Amino acid sequence: MIKDKTNVTLVMAGLLLGMLISTLDQTIMATAMPTVARELGGLSLYSWVFSIYMLTSTTSMPIFGKLADLYGRKRLYIIGMGLFMLGSVLCSFSTGMLELVIFRGLQGLGAGALMPLSITIIGDLVPLEKRGRIQGIFAGLTTLANVIGPALGGLFVQYLSWQWVFYINLPIGLAAIGIILTSMKESKMAGKRSIDWFGALTLSGSVVTILLALVLGGGDQPQSWGSAQVTGLFTAGAALLGVFLWVESKAKEPIIPLQLFRNRLLSATFIVAFFMSAGMFGAVSYIPLYVQGVVGVSPAAAGYILTPMMVALGAAVVITGRLLHRTTYRAFNLLGMTLMGLGFGLLATMSTDTGMPLVIVYMVLTGLGIGFIIPTLNTAAIGAVGKERRGVATSLVQFSRSIGGTIGVSVLGVLMTGRMAAGMPGLGERFAALGADKLRAYADPQALLDGSMRVSLPADLLRDLQNVFTQGIHTVFIAGIVIAVVGLAASLFMGTDRMMSKPVSPGTSAGGASSVDSTTAGSGN
C-alpha cells in the first residue's frame, strides 16, 4: 500500500525518466545497430539483438505485474530498473555479437517491469478522473522519445561511440531509482505470500517458444513456417500453454488469475490492445519500407518518415487524456479503430505515382486513430479491478500489445513476401534478354533498397519492380483494414464503462449493476 507521505510529483518525475530510457533504448538501437554490427561482426545475429529483447521483456511483463501485487510496486520497479541498467552496462562491454545478444536479453528482462509498473503506480497515486490526463503526458513523452531516438543514435555513433547508446541509460536510470527510493513511501505487505513458480515457468516457456517460432517463421525464408523447427516450437508452446492454464486454475496465488477474463471490460481491453498493436507495428514497419523501396528516399530519410505519424499519435493521446472522463472507453476506441482502418485503406491505394504529401496525410490519419486508443487501454484496466490486482491487469495490457505487435509483424511479413513472390515470374518473362545471372541480381525487391543497385536498373525493370513491391505493401495495408475491423468489433464489447466507474470485482462483468455506479455508467451494452 502506498502511503500518504509519498511525494506524487517527484514519483511521477521518476517514472517519466524510467519510461523515457525504456523507449529511447529501442529507437536509438535501431539507428546504431548497423555500426554496432560492423564493429562487432556476427551479422547473422543482427536481428536477434532486437528479438531477444522482445522475447524477454514480453515474458517478464505479467510476472513482474503479479509479483508487484504480492510484494509491492516500489521493490519490483527498482529490481526491474536495476536489471535494465545491469544489462546496459554489460552490453557496453560486449566484444562480440553473441555477448551483445545475451546481455540484451538481461536488459529486456528489466524492461518488462518499467512500463507496466509505471502505469500501475499511476493508478495507485492518481485519482480516477485524472488518470487519463497523466497517461496522456506519459504517452506524449513516449512519442517524443520515438522522434528524437533515431537522431540521438545517429549522433552517438557518428561523434562518440556506439557504447553511448547504453551509457545514456545509466545516469537517467540512477536518477529514476534515487527519486523513487526517496519519494515513494510504501508500507510492507502483511503476511507470507506464496509464489506460483510453476505457473511462471510454464508461462515463460510458452511465450518464449511461441514468439521464437514467430521470429524464425517470419524471417527472410517464408517456407520456414512449415519447417520441423518452427512446427515443433509452436507445438511445444501450445502444450506449455495448456499446462499453464491448468496450473493457474489450481494455484493459490496464480501469476495470471483466470477470473480476470470473466470481466468483460478487461477481456475486451486485452483484445483491442492486441489488434491495435498489430496494426501500429504494421504501419511502423512497412511505411518506411514503402517510401524507401518505391518512392526512393534514402535510408536515413526513411528513418524519419514516421515523424508525422508519431506527432499525430502524440497529439491524439494528449487530447484523449484530457477528454476521456467525458465519455466512455468504447467511444474513443471506436473512433480510433475507424480512423486507423481509414488510414490503412488510404495507404492501400498508394502507387508508384503517389507523392509524399499524400503519404503524410495517410500517416497522420493512422497515427490519430492509434493515439485515440492507447490511453483508454491502461485507464480501463486500472479502473476495472481493485488495487490488489492492478499490477497484473496493467501488465496484461502491455503483454497483449507486445504479443500483438510480434504476431502482426510476422503475419504481415509473410503476406507481403508471398504477394511479391507471386508477381516475380512475370518479370523473368519480360526481361529474359538481360540474361539469367543479371536478371537474378536485378529482379530482387532488395535491389530497390540498395541505392547503388537501384540507379543501375533499366528504367522499365525498375518500374516493374516498384509495382511488385507496391502490390506486396498493398497486401499488408489491406490486412491492416481487417485488423482494424476486428478491433472495432472488440471495442463494442467494452460497454458503457467510463473513468468515473467504480472498480469492478474480478468475477463480474464490467458494466454490471453490482460493480458500476449507475450515475456514471450505463448497463454495459
Protein backbone atom coordinates (compact mmCIF):
# COMPACT_ATOMS: atom_id res chain seq x y z
CA MET A 1 0.00 0.00 0.00
CA ILE A 2 1.39 3.41 -0.99
CA LYS A 3 1.39 5.83 1.95
CA ASP A 4 0.08 9.38 2.03
CA LYS A 5 3.61 10.72 2.64
CA THR A 6 4.55 9.88 -0.93
CA ASN A 7 5.61 12.90 -2.97
CA VAL A 8 3.40 12.36 -6.01
CA THR A 9 5.11 14.98 -8.19
CA LEU A 10 8.59 13.56 -7.65
CA VAL A 11 7.42 9.98 -8.12
CA MET A 12 5.83 10.98 -11.43
CA ALA A 13 9.13 12.56 -12.47
CA GLY A 14 10.98 9.34 -11.60
CA LEU A 15 8.52 7.22 -13.56
CA LEU A 16 8.82 9.56 -16.55
CA LEU A 17 12.59 9.07 -16.53
CA GLY A 18 12.17 5.30 -16.44
CA MET A 19 9.72 5.29 -19.33
CA LEU A 20 11.99 7.65 -21.25
CA ILE A 21 15.01 5.34 -21.23
CA SER A 22 12.96 2.20 -21.92
CA THR A 23 11.53 3.84 -25.04
CA LEU A 24 14.71 5.60 -26.13
CA ASP A 25 16.65 2.35 -25.89
CA GLN A 26 14.67 0.77 -28.71
CA THR A 27 14.70 3.74 -31.08
CA ILE A 28 18.38 4.56 -30.50
CA MET A 29 19.34 0.93 -31.10
CA ALA A 30 17.54 0.86 -34.44
CA THR A 31 19.79 3.63 -35.76
CA ALA A 32 23.01 2.47 -34.11
CA MET A 33 22.85 -1.25 -34.94
CA PRO A 34 24.44 -1.09 -38.42
CA THR A 35 27.54 0.46 -36.85
CA VAL A 36 27.48 -2.00 -33.95
CA ALA A 37 27.25 -4.95 -36.35
CA ARG A 38 30.14 -3.62 -38.41
CA GLU A 39 32.42 -3.26 -35.37
CA LEU A 40 31.44 -6.46 -33.55
CA GLY A 41 30.89 -8.74 -36.56
CA GLY A 42 28.36 -11.55 -36.43
CA LEU A 43 25.88 -10.08 -38.90
CA SER A 44 23.89 -13.33 -38.78
CA LEU A 45 22.86 -12.41 -35.22
CA TYR A 46 21.76 -8.88 -36.20
CA SER A 47 18.01 -9.45 -35.80
CA TRP A 48 18.50 -11.30 -32.52
CA VAL A 49 19.69 -8.12 -30.83
CA PHE A 50 16.09 -6.93 -31.18
CA SER A 51 14.31 -10.29 -30.96
CA ILE A 52 15.85 -11.40 -27.67
CA TYR A 53 14.92 -8.09 -26.04
CA MET A 54 11.33 -8.54 -27.20
CA LEU A 55 11.23 -12.16 -26.03
CA THR A 56 12.47 -11.48 -22.51
CA SER A 57 10.58 -8.23 -21.94
CA THR A 58 7.29 -9.72 -23.13
CA THR A 59 7.74 -12.82 -20.98
CA SER A 60 8.58 -10.89 -17.83
CA MET A 61 5.70 -8.37 -18.02
CA PRO A 62 2.90 -10.44 -16.39
CA ILE A 63 5.37 -11.96 -13.90
CA PHE A 64 6.55 -8.55 -12.69
CA GLY A 65 2.94 -7.39 -12.56
CA LYS A 66 1.88 -10.27 -10.32
CA LEU A 67 4.93 -10.01 -8.07
CA ALA A 68 4.25 -6.28 -7.68
CA ASP A 69 0.74 -7.13 -6.46
CA LEU A 70 2.24 -9.56 -3.95
CA TYR A 71 5.31 -7.68 -2.73
CA GLY A 72 4.80 -4.03 -3.59
CA ARG A 73 5.31 -1.79 -6.61
CA LYS A 74 8.39 0.06 -5.38
CA ARG A 75 10.54 -3.00 -4.73
CA LEU A 76 9.75 -4.66 -8.06
CA TYR A 77 10.18 -1.43 -10.02
CA ILE A 78 13.64 -0.89 -8.58
CA ILE A 79 14.58 -4.53 -9.27
CA GLY A 80 13.42 -4.11 -12.88
CA MET A 81 15.36 -0.86 -13.30
CA GLY A 82 18.41 -2.49 -11.74
CA LEU A 83 18.28 -5.40 -14.21
CA PHE A 84 17.81 -2.95 -17.09
CA MET A 85 20.85 -0.91 -16.03
CA LEU A 86 22.99 -4.00 -15.39
CA GLY A 87 22.11 -5.25 -18.86
CA SER A 88 23.01 -1.82 -20.31
CA VAL A 89 26.45 -1.87 -18.65
CA LEU A 90 27.18 -5.40 -19.84
CA CYS A 91 26.00 -4.53 -23.37
CA SER A 92 28.51 -1.66 -23.50
CA PHE A 93 31.31 -4.10 -22.62
CA SER A 94 30.36 -6.57 -25.36
CA THR A 95 33.24 -7.72 -27.56
CA GLY A 96 31.15 -9.81 -29.93
CA MET A 97 27.60 -10.01 -31.24
CA LEU A 98 26.77 -13.14 -29.23
CA GLU A 99 27.65 -11.37 -25.97
CA LEU A 100 25.51 -8.42 -27.01
CA VAL A 101 22.53 -10.69 -27.70
CA ILE A 102 22.87 -12.36 -24.26
CA PHE A 103 23.15 -9.05 -22.40
CA ARG A 104 20.25 -7.56 -24.37
CA GLY A 105 18.18 -10.46 -23.05
CA LEU A 106 19.02 -9.39 -19.50
CA GLN A 107 18.21 -5.80 -20.36
CA GLY A 108 14.84 -6.92 -21.73
CA LEU A 109 14.01 -8.75 -18.50
CA GLY A 110 14.29 -5.48 -16.61
CA ALA A 111 12.43 -3.53 -19.28
CA GLY A 112 9.44 -5.81 -18.74
CA ALA A 113 8.91 -4.10 -15.38
CA LEU A 114 9.32 -0.44 -16.33
CA MET A 115 6.26 0.38 -18.44
CA PRO A 116 3.62 -1.85 -16.76
CA LEU A 117 4.63 -0.96 -13.19
CA SER A 118 4.81 2.74 -14.03
CA ILE A 119 1.21 2.59 -15.18
CA THR A 120 0.23 0.57 -12.09
CA ILE A 121 1.84 3.12 -9.75
CA ILE A 122 -0.03 5.91 -11.55
CA GLY A 123 -3.24 4.02 -10.85
CA ASP A 124 -2.38 3.88 -7.15
CA LEU A 125 -1.36 7.54 -6.84
CA VAL A 126 -3.67 9.47 -9.13
CA PRO A 127 -7.45 9.87 -8.69
CA LEU A 128 -9.52 8.07 -11.30
CA GLU A 129 -10.69 11.23 -13.05
CA LYS A 130 -7.10 12.46 -13.59
CA ARG A 131 -5.53 9.23 -14.84
CA GLY A 132 -6.33 9.82 -18.50
CA ARG A 133 -4.55 13.20 -18.45
CA ILE A 134 -1.48 11.81 -16.67
CA GLN A 135 -1.25 8.86 -19.03
CA GLY A 136 -1.58 11.31 -21.91
CA ILE A 137 1.55 13.06 -20.63
CA PHE A 138 3.37 9.75 -20.34
CA ALA A 139 2.35 8.71 -23.84
CA GLY A 140 3.39 12.13 -25.16
CA LEU A 141 6.84 11.54 -23.68
CA THR A 142 6.98 8.14 -25.38
CA THR A 143 6.11 9.80 -28.68
CA LEU A 144 8.88 12.36 -28.16
CA ALA A 145 11.35 9.54 -27.49
CA ASN A 146 10.26 7.83 -30.71
CA VAL A 147 11.01 11.03 -32.64
CA ILE A 148 14.36 12.01 -31.09
CA GLY A 149 15.70 8.49 -30.55
CA PRO A 150 16.87 7.87 -34.14
CA ALA A 151 18.63 11.26 -34.19
CA LEU A 152 20.44 10.55 -30.91
CA GLY A 153 21.52 7.12 -32.13
CA GLY A 154 22.99 8.68 -35.27
CA LEU A 155 24.82 11.35 -33.28
CA PHE A 156 26.28 8.83 -30.85
CA VAL A 157 27.71 6.52 -33.49
CA GLN A 158 28.99 9.39 -35.62
CA TYR A 159 30.61 11.63 -32.99
CA LEU A 160 31.15 9.42 -29.91
CA SER A 161 30.89 5.61 -30.00
CA TRP A 162 28.14 3.00 -30.13
CA GLN A 163 28.67 2.28 -26.42
CA TRP A 164 27.00 5.61 -25.64
CA VAL A 165 23.73 4.04 -26.75
CA PHE A 166 23.93 2.14 -23.45
CA TYR A 167 25.85 4.67 -21.35
CA ILE A 168 22.97 7.16 -21.61
CA ASN A 169 20.74 4.75 -19.67
CA LEU A 170 22.92 4.88 -16.56
CA PRO A 171 22.55 8.49 -15.30
CA ILE A 172 18.87 8.57 -16.20
CA GLY A 173 18.23 5.18 -14.56
CA LEU A 174 20.15 6.11 -11.41
CA ALA A 175 18.18 9.35 -11.14
CA ALA A 176 14.91 7.40 -11.50
CA ILE A 177 15.94 4.92 -8.80
CA GLY A 178 17.02 7.72 -6.45
CA ILE A 179 13.75 9.60 -6.88
CA ILE A 180 11.58 6.51 -6.38
CA LEU A 181 13.59 5.37 -3.34
CA THR A 182 13.36 8.72 -1.56
CA SER A 183 9.94 9.97 -2.66
CA MET A 184 7.72 6.88 -2.76
CA LYS A 185 6.60 5.56 0.62
CA GLU A 186 5.08 2.09 0.59
CA SER A 187 4.01 0.01 3.57
CA LYS A 188 5.26 -3.55 3.91
CA MET A 189 3.00 -6.27 2.61
CA ALA A 190 1.48 -8.20 5.50
CA GLY A 191 1.81 -11.96 5.83
CA LYS A 192 3.70 -14.58 3.91
CA ARG A 193 2.69 -14.84 0.27
CA SER A 194 3.09 -17.87 -1.96
CA ILE A 195 4.61 -17.53 -5.42
CA ASP A 196 3.31 -19.52 -8.34
CA TRP A 197 6.75 -20.57 -9.59
CA PHE A 198 5.41 -23.41 -11.74
CA GLY A 199 2.96 -21.02 -13.36
CA ALA A 200 5.76 -18.52 -14.03
CA LEU A 201 7.92 -21.28 -15.53
CA THR A 202 5.23 -22.66 -17.84
CA LEU A 203 4.10 -19.16 -18.87
CA SER A 204 7.67 -18.15 -19.68
CA GLY A 205 8.28 -21.35 -21.62
CA SER A 206 5.07 -20.97 -23.59
CA VAL A 207 5.63 -17.31 -24.50
CA VAL A 208 9.29 -17.80 -25.43
CA THR A 209 8.67 -20.83 -27.65
CA ILE A 210 5.69 -19.27 -29.46
CA LEU A 211 7.44 -15.94 -30.01
CA LEU A 212 10.58 -17.74 -31.09
CA ALA A 213 8.55 -19.67 -33.66
CA LEU A 214 7.08 -16.39 -34.93
CA VAL A 215 10.51 -14.77 -35.17
CA LEU A 216 12.01 -17.73 -37.05
CA GLY A 217 8.97 -18.29 -39.26
CA GLY A 218 8.68 -14.61 -40.11
CA GLY A 219 12.27 -14.33 -41.29
CA ASP A 220 13.60 -13.98 -44.79
CA GLN A 221 12.53 -17.50 -45.80
CA PRO A 222 8.70 -17.80 -45.70
CA GLN A 223 8.88 -21.53 -46.33
CA SER A 224 10.39 -21.91 -42.85
CA TRP A 225 6.85 -21.74 -41.45
CA GLY A 226 6.45 -25.39 -42.40
CA SER A 227 9.82 -26.50 -41.11
CA ALA A 228 10.15 -29.07 -38.34
CA GLN A 229 11.86 -26.47 -36.15
CA VAL A 230 9.06 -23.91 -36.32
CA THR A 231 6.30 -26.53 -36.13
CA GLY A 232 7.98 -28.11 -33.11
CA LEU A 233 8.21 -24.75 -31.34
CA PHE A 234 4.54 -23.98 -31.96
CA THR A 235 3.57 -27.45 -30.69
CA ALA A 236 5.72 -27.09 -27.57
CA GLY A 237 4.34 -23.60 -26.94
CA ALA A 238 0.74 -24.80 -27.22
CA ALA A 239 1.43 -27.71 -24.87
CA LEU A 240 3.09 -25.45 -22.30
CA LEU A 241 0.18 -23.00 -22.59
CA GLY A 242 -2.25 -25.82 -21.81
CA VAL A 243 -0.20 -26.83 -18.77
CA PHE A 244 -0.04 -23.19 -17.66
CA LEU A 245 -3.82 -22.79 -17.81
CA TRP A 246 -4.28 -25.96 -15.77
CA VAL A 247 -1.73 -24.77 -13.19
CA GLU A 248 -3.40 -21.36 -12.91
CA SER A 249 -6.77 -22.97 -12.25
CA LYS A 250 -5.27 -24.73 -9.19
CA ALA A 251 -2.73 -22.19 -7.87
CA LYS A 252 -3.36 -20.29 -4.64
CA GLU A 253 -1.75 -17.09 -5.99
CA PRO A 254 -1.78 -17.55 -9.80
CA ILE A 255 0.54 -15.44 -11.94
CA ILE A 256 -2.46 -14.59 -14.12
CA PRO A 257 -5.76 -15.02 -12.26
CA LEU A 258 -8.08 -16.57 -14.83
CA GLN A 259 -11.04 -14.84 -13.16
CA LEU A 260 -9.85 -11.61 -14.77
CA PHE A 261 -11.03 -12.89 -18.13
CA ARG A 262 -14.60 -13.11 -16.83
CA ASN A 263 -14.53 -9.33 -16.64
CA ARG A 264 -15.95 -8.21 -19.98
CA LEU A 265 -14.28 -4.80 -19.92
CA LEU A 266 -10.86 -6.34 -19.23
CA SER A 267 -11.23 -9.08 -21.83
CA ALA A 268 -12.30 -6.58 -24.48
CA THR A 269 -9.42 -4.28 -23.49
CA PHE A 270 -6.87 -7.08 -23.96
CA ILE A 271 -8.29 -7.92 -27.40
CA VAL A 272 -8.33 -4.26 -28.51
CA ALA A 273 -4.74 -3.86 -27.25
CA PHE A 274 -3.66 -6.89 -29.28
CA PHE A 275 -5.17 -5.68 -32.57
CA MET A 276 -4.25 -2.04 -32.08
CA SER A 277 -0.61 -3.04 -31.60
CA ALA A 278 -0.69 -5.41 -34.58
CA GLY A 279 -1.87 -2.52 -36.75
CA MET A 280 0.53 0.01 -35.26
CA PHE A 281 3.60 -2.17 -35.73
CA GLY A 282 2.44 -2.99 -39.25
CA ALA A 283 2.42 0.73 -40.07
CA VAL A 284 5.70 1.43 -38.31
CA SER A 285 7.44 -1.48 -40.07
CA TYR A 286 6.12 -1.18 -43.62
CA ILE A 287 5.60 2.53 -44.30
CA PRO A 288 9.39 3.21 -44.20
CA LEU A 289 9.87 0.15 -46.42
CA TYR A 290 7.44 1.60 -48.96
CA VAL A 291 8.95 5.09 -49.10
CA GLN A 292 12.46 3.66 -49.42
CA GLY A 293 11.65 0.93 -51.94
CA VAL A 294 9.02 2.68 -54.07
CA VAL A 295 9.36 6.44 -53.54
CA GLY A 296 13.15 6.05 -53.41
CA VAL A 297 14.10 8.13 -50.36
CA SER A 298 17.43 7.43 -48.68
CA PRO A 299 17.67 5.02 -45.72
CA ALA A 300 18.49 7.95 -43.42
CA ALA A 301 15.38 9.86 -44.53
CA ALA A 302 13.26 6.71 -44.24
CA GLY A 303 14.17 6.58 -40.55
CA TYR A 304 12.44 9.91 -40.00
CA ILE A 305 9.50 9.38 -42.34
CA LEU A 306 7.26 8.27 -39.47
CA THR A 307 7.62 11.59 -37.63
CA PRO A 308 4.24 12.98 -38.86
CA MET A 309 2.51 9.79 -37.75
CA MET A 310 4.19 9.89 -34.34
CA VAL A 311 3.38 13.57 -33.83
CA ALA A 312 -0.27 12.92 -34.74
CA LEU A 313 -0.31 9.92 -32.41
CA GLY A 314 1.08 12.01 -29.55
CA ALA A 315 -1.43 14.80 -30.15
CA ALA A 316 -4.34 12.33 -30.12
CA VAL A 317 -3.04 10.76 -26.91
CA VAL A 318 -2.96 14.15 -25.16
CA ILE A 319 -6.44 15.06 -26.42
CA THR A 320 -7.83 11.70 -25.31
CA GLY A 321 -6.22 12.04 -21.89
CA ARG A 322 -7.97 15.37 -21.37
CA LEU A 323 -11.39 14.29 -22.66
CA LEU A 324 -11.56 10.66 -21.57
CA HIS A 325 -13.54 11.44 -18.42
CA ARG A 326 -16.35 12.92 -20.51
CA THR A 327 -17.35 9.79 -22.39
CA THR A 328 -16.92 6.04 -22.49
CA TYR A 329 -13.81 3.99 -23.26
CA ARG A 330 -15.78 2.43 -26.09
CA ALA A 331 -16.35 5.76 -27.82
CA PHE A 332 -12.65 6.55 -28.13
CA ASN A 333 -11.78 3.03 -29.21
CA LEU A 334 -14.46 3.04 -31.90
CA LEU A 335 -13.22 6.40 -33.17
CA GLY A 336 -9.61 5.22 -33.06
CA MET A 337 -10.21 1.94 -34.86
CA THR A 338 -12.30 3.72 -37.50
CA LEU A 339 -9.55 6.24 -38.23
CA MET A 340 -6.88 3.53 -38.18
CA GLY A 341 -8.87 1.46 -40.66
CA LEU A 342 -9.43 4.53 -42.86
CA GLY A 343 -5.71 5.28 -42.74
CA PHE A 344 -4.83 1.74 -43.78
CA GLY A 345 -7.45 1.89 -46.54
CA LEU A 346 -5.85 5.03 -47.97
CA LEU A 347 -2.35 3.57 -47.60
CA ALA A 348 -3.54 0.57 -49.61
CA THR A 349 -4.32 2.90 -52.55
CA MET A 350 -0.73 4.09 -52.88
CA SER A 351 1.02 3.53 -56.19
CA THR A 352 4.36 4.40 -57.72
CA ASP A 353 2.89 7.83 -58.56
CA THR A 354 1.74 8.68 -55.03
CA GLY A 355 3.59 11.73 -53.72
CA MET A 356 4.94 12.19 -50.20
CA PRO A 357 2.34 14.84 -49.21
CA LEU A 358 -0.44 12.27 -49.63
CA VAL A 359 1.57 9.61 -47.80
CA ILE A 360 1.96 12.04 -44.89
CA VAL A 361 -1.81 12.70 -44.80
CA TYR A 362 -2.47 8.95 -44.70
CA MET A 363 0.08 8.50 -41.91
CA VAL A 364 -1.46 11.32 -39.87
CA LEU A 365 -4.89 9.68 -40.06
CA THR A 366 -3.43 6.34 -38.97
CA GLY A 367 -1.48 7.97 -36.13
CA LEU A 368 -4.55 9.82 -34.88
CA GLY A 369 -6.50 6.56 -34.77
CA ILE A 370 -3.84 4.77 -32.76
CA GLY A 371 -3.44 7.76 -30.44
CA PHE A 372 -7.13 7.80 -29.54
CA ILE A 373 -6.90 4.16 -28.41
CA ILE A 374 -3.68 4.00 -26.37
CA PRO A 375 -4.75 6.00 -23.26
CA THR A 376 -8.06 4.15 -22.92
CA LEU A 377 -6.44 0.72 -22.58
CA ASN A 378 -4.46 1.23 -19.38
CA THR A 379 -7.08 3.53 -17.88
CA ALA A 380 -9.79 0.92 -18.46
CA ALA A 381 -7.63 -1.85 -16.96
CA ILE A 382 -6.83 0.20 -13.86
CA GLY A 383 -10.48 1.14 -13.32
CA ALA A 384 -11.76 -2.39 -13.87
CA VAL A 385 -10.03 -4.03 -10.89
CA GLY A 386 -9.16 -3.25 -7.30
CA LYS A 387 -5.70 -2.21 -6.10
CA GLU A 388 -4.75 -5.79 -5.28
CA ARG A 389 -4.82 -6.75 -8.98
CA ARG A 390 -3.81 -3.57 -10.76
CA GLY A 391 -0.28 -4.78 -11.33
CA VAL A 392 -1.26 -7.92 -13.19
CA ALA A 393 -4.10 -6.16 -15.08
CA THR A 394 -1.92 -3.36 -16.48
CA SER A 395 0.88 -5.82 -17.22
CA LEU A 396 -1.52 -7.93 -19.24
CA VAL A 397 -2.44 -4.89 -21.34
CA GLN A 398 1.24 -4.34 -22.15
CA PHE A 399 1.65 -8.09 -22.68
CA SER A 400 -1.27 -8.10 -25.15
CA ARG A 401 0.26 -5.17 -27.02
CA SER A 402 3.65 -6.83 -27.22
CA ILE A 403 2.24 -10.15 -28.42
CA GLY A 404 0.01 -8.36 -30.91
CA GLY A 405 2.92 -6.41 -32.37
CA THR A 406 5.07 -9.52 -32.71
CA ILE A 407 2.39 -11.66 -34.33
CA GLY A 408 1.22 -8.78 -36.50
CA VAL A 409 4.64 -8.03 -37.97
CA SER A 410 5.33 -11.74 -38.59
CA VAL A 411 2.00 -12.44 -40.31
CA LEU A 412 2.06 -9.23 -42.34
CA GLY A 413 5.60 -10.02 -43.45
CA VAL A 414 4.52 -13.42 -44.74
CA LEU A 415 1.60 -11.84 -46.63
CA MET A 416 3.89 -9.27 -48.22
CA THR A 417 6.60 -11.70 -49.32
CA GLY A 418 4.01 -14.17 -50.62
CA ARG A 419 2.32 -11.50 -52.74
CA MET A 420 5.65 -10.27 -54.07
CA ALA A 421 6.78 -13.82 -54.90
CA ALA A 422 3.60 -14.29 -56.94
CA GLY A 423 4.45 -11.25 -59.05
CA MET A 424 8.09 -12.07 -59.78
CA PRO A 425 7.73 -14.79 -62.50
CA GLY A 426 6.29 -12.25 -64.92
CA LEU A 427 9.50 -10.21 -64.74
CA GLY A 428 11.53 -13.20 -65.89
CA GLU A 429 9.39 -13.49 -68.99
CA ARG A 430 9.53 -9.77 -69.85
CA PHE A 431 13.25 -9.26 -69.29
CA ALA A 432 14.69 -12.63 -70.32
CA ALA A 433 17.04 -10.81 -72.75
CA LEU A 434 19.08 -9.50 -69.81
CA GLY A 435 20.43 -12.97 -69.15
CA ALA A 436 19.71 -15.27 -66.23
CA ASP A 437 22.52 -14.07 -63.94
CA LYS A 438 21.87 -10.36 -64.37
CA LEU A 439 18.12 -10.84 -64.10
CA ARG A 440 18.55 -12.82 -60.88
CA ALA A 441 20.54 -9.93 -59.42
CA TYR A 442 18.20 -7.23 -60.69
CA ALA A 443 14.83 -8.92 -60.24
CA ASP A 444 15.05 -8.87 -56.47
CA PRO A 445 12.97 -6.37 -54.45
CA GLN A 446 16.01 -5.96 -52.18
CA ALA A 447 17.64 -4.11 -55.10
CA LEU A 448 15.16 -1.26 -54.57
CA LEU A 449 16.60 -0.69 -51.09
CA ASP A 450 20.19 -0.51 -52.38
CA GLY A 451 20.90 2.95 -53.79
CA SER A 452 23.83 1.88 -55.97
CA MET A 453 21.90 -1.11 -57.36
CA ARG A 454 18.79 0.99 -57.92
CA VAL A 455 20.48 3.50 -60.23
CA SER A 456 21.86 0.67 -62.39
CA LEU A 457 18.43 -0.89 -63.03
CA PRO A 458 16.92 -0.48 -66.52
CA ALA A 459 14.05 2.02 -66.31
CA ASP A 460 11.38 -0.49 -67.35
CA LEU A 461 12.59 -3.10 -64.88
CA LEU A 462 12.75 -0.51 -62.10
CA ARG A 463 9.14 0.45 -62.75
CA ASP A 464 8.00 -3.17 -62.76
CA LEU A 465 9.90 -3.95 -59.57
CA GLN A 466 8.30 -0.94 -57.91
CA ASN A 467 4.89 -2.23 -58.95
CA VAL A 468 5.62 -5.68 -57.49
CA PHE A 469 6.87 -4.05 -54.30
CA THR A 470 3.78 -1.86 -54.14
CA GLN A 471 1.46 -4.84 -54.54
CA GLY A 472 3.19 -6.59 -51.64
CA ILE A 473 2.80 -3.50 -49.44
CA HIS A 474 -0.85 -3.19 -50.53
CA THR A 475 -1.46 -6.66 -49.11
CA VAL A 476 -0.05 -5.52 -45.77
CA PHE A 477 -2.32 -2.48 -45.59
CA ILE A 478 -5.41 -4.41 -46.71
CA ALA A 479 -4.69 -6.82 -43.86
CA GLY A 480 -4.43 -3.71 -41.65
CA ILE A 481 -8.03 -2.85 -42.56
CA VAL A 482 -9.11 -6.32 -41.42
CA ILE A 483 -7.17 -5.84 -38.16
CA ALA A 484 -8.95 -2.53 -37.56
CA VAL A 485 -12.37 -4.06 -38.24
CA VAL A 486 -11.76 -6.86 -35.73
CA GLY A 487 -10.54 -4.27 -33.20
CA LEU A 488 -13.65 -2.22 -33.89
CA ALA A 489 -15.85 -5.24 -33.16
CA ALA A 490 -13.96 -5.96 -29.93
CA SER A 491 -14.44 -2.32 -28.87
CA LEU A 492 -18.21 -2.77 -28.97
CA PHE A 493 -17.95 -5.24 -26.08
CA MET A 494 -16.38 -2.63 -23.78
CA GLY A 495 -19.87 -1.49 -22.84
CA THR A 496 -20.59 1.98 -21.46
CA ASP A 497 -17.97 1.94 -18.71
CA ARG A 498 -16.04 5.13 -18.24
CA MET A 499 -13.47 6.72 -15.94
CA MET A 500 -15.96 7.54 -13.21
CA SER A 501 -16.96 3.89 -12.83
CA LYS A 502 -16.09 2.11 -9.61
CA PRO A 503 -13.57 -0.75 -9.72
CA VAL A 504 -15.07 -3.98 -10.98
CA SER A 505 -14.78 -7.11 -8.89
CA PRO A 506 -12.76 -9.84 -10.63
CA GLY A 507 -15.64 -12.24 -11.04
CA THR A 508 -18.20 -9.90 -12.59
CA SER A 509 -18.73 -8.41 -15.99
CA ALA A 510 -17.87 -4.78 -16.50
CA GLY A 511 -20.92 -2.62 -16.59
CA GLY A 512 -22.99 -4.80 -14.30
CA ALA A 513 -25.23 -3.15 -11.74
CA SER A 514 -23.28 -4.63 -8.84
CA SER A 515 -20.00 -3.07 -9.85
CA VAL A 516 -20.68 0.23 -11.60
CA ASP A 517 -22.16 3.41 -10.25
CA SER A 518 -25.46 3.84 -12.05
CA THR A 519 -24.99 7.60 -12.15
CA THR A 520 -21.83 7.38 -14.22
CA ALA A 521 -22.19 4.27 -16.37
CA GLY A 522 -24.94 2.55 -18.20
CA SER A 523 -25.88 -1.04 -18.38
CA GLY A 524 -22.71 -2.05 -20.19
CA ASN A 525 -24.24 -2.53 -23.61
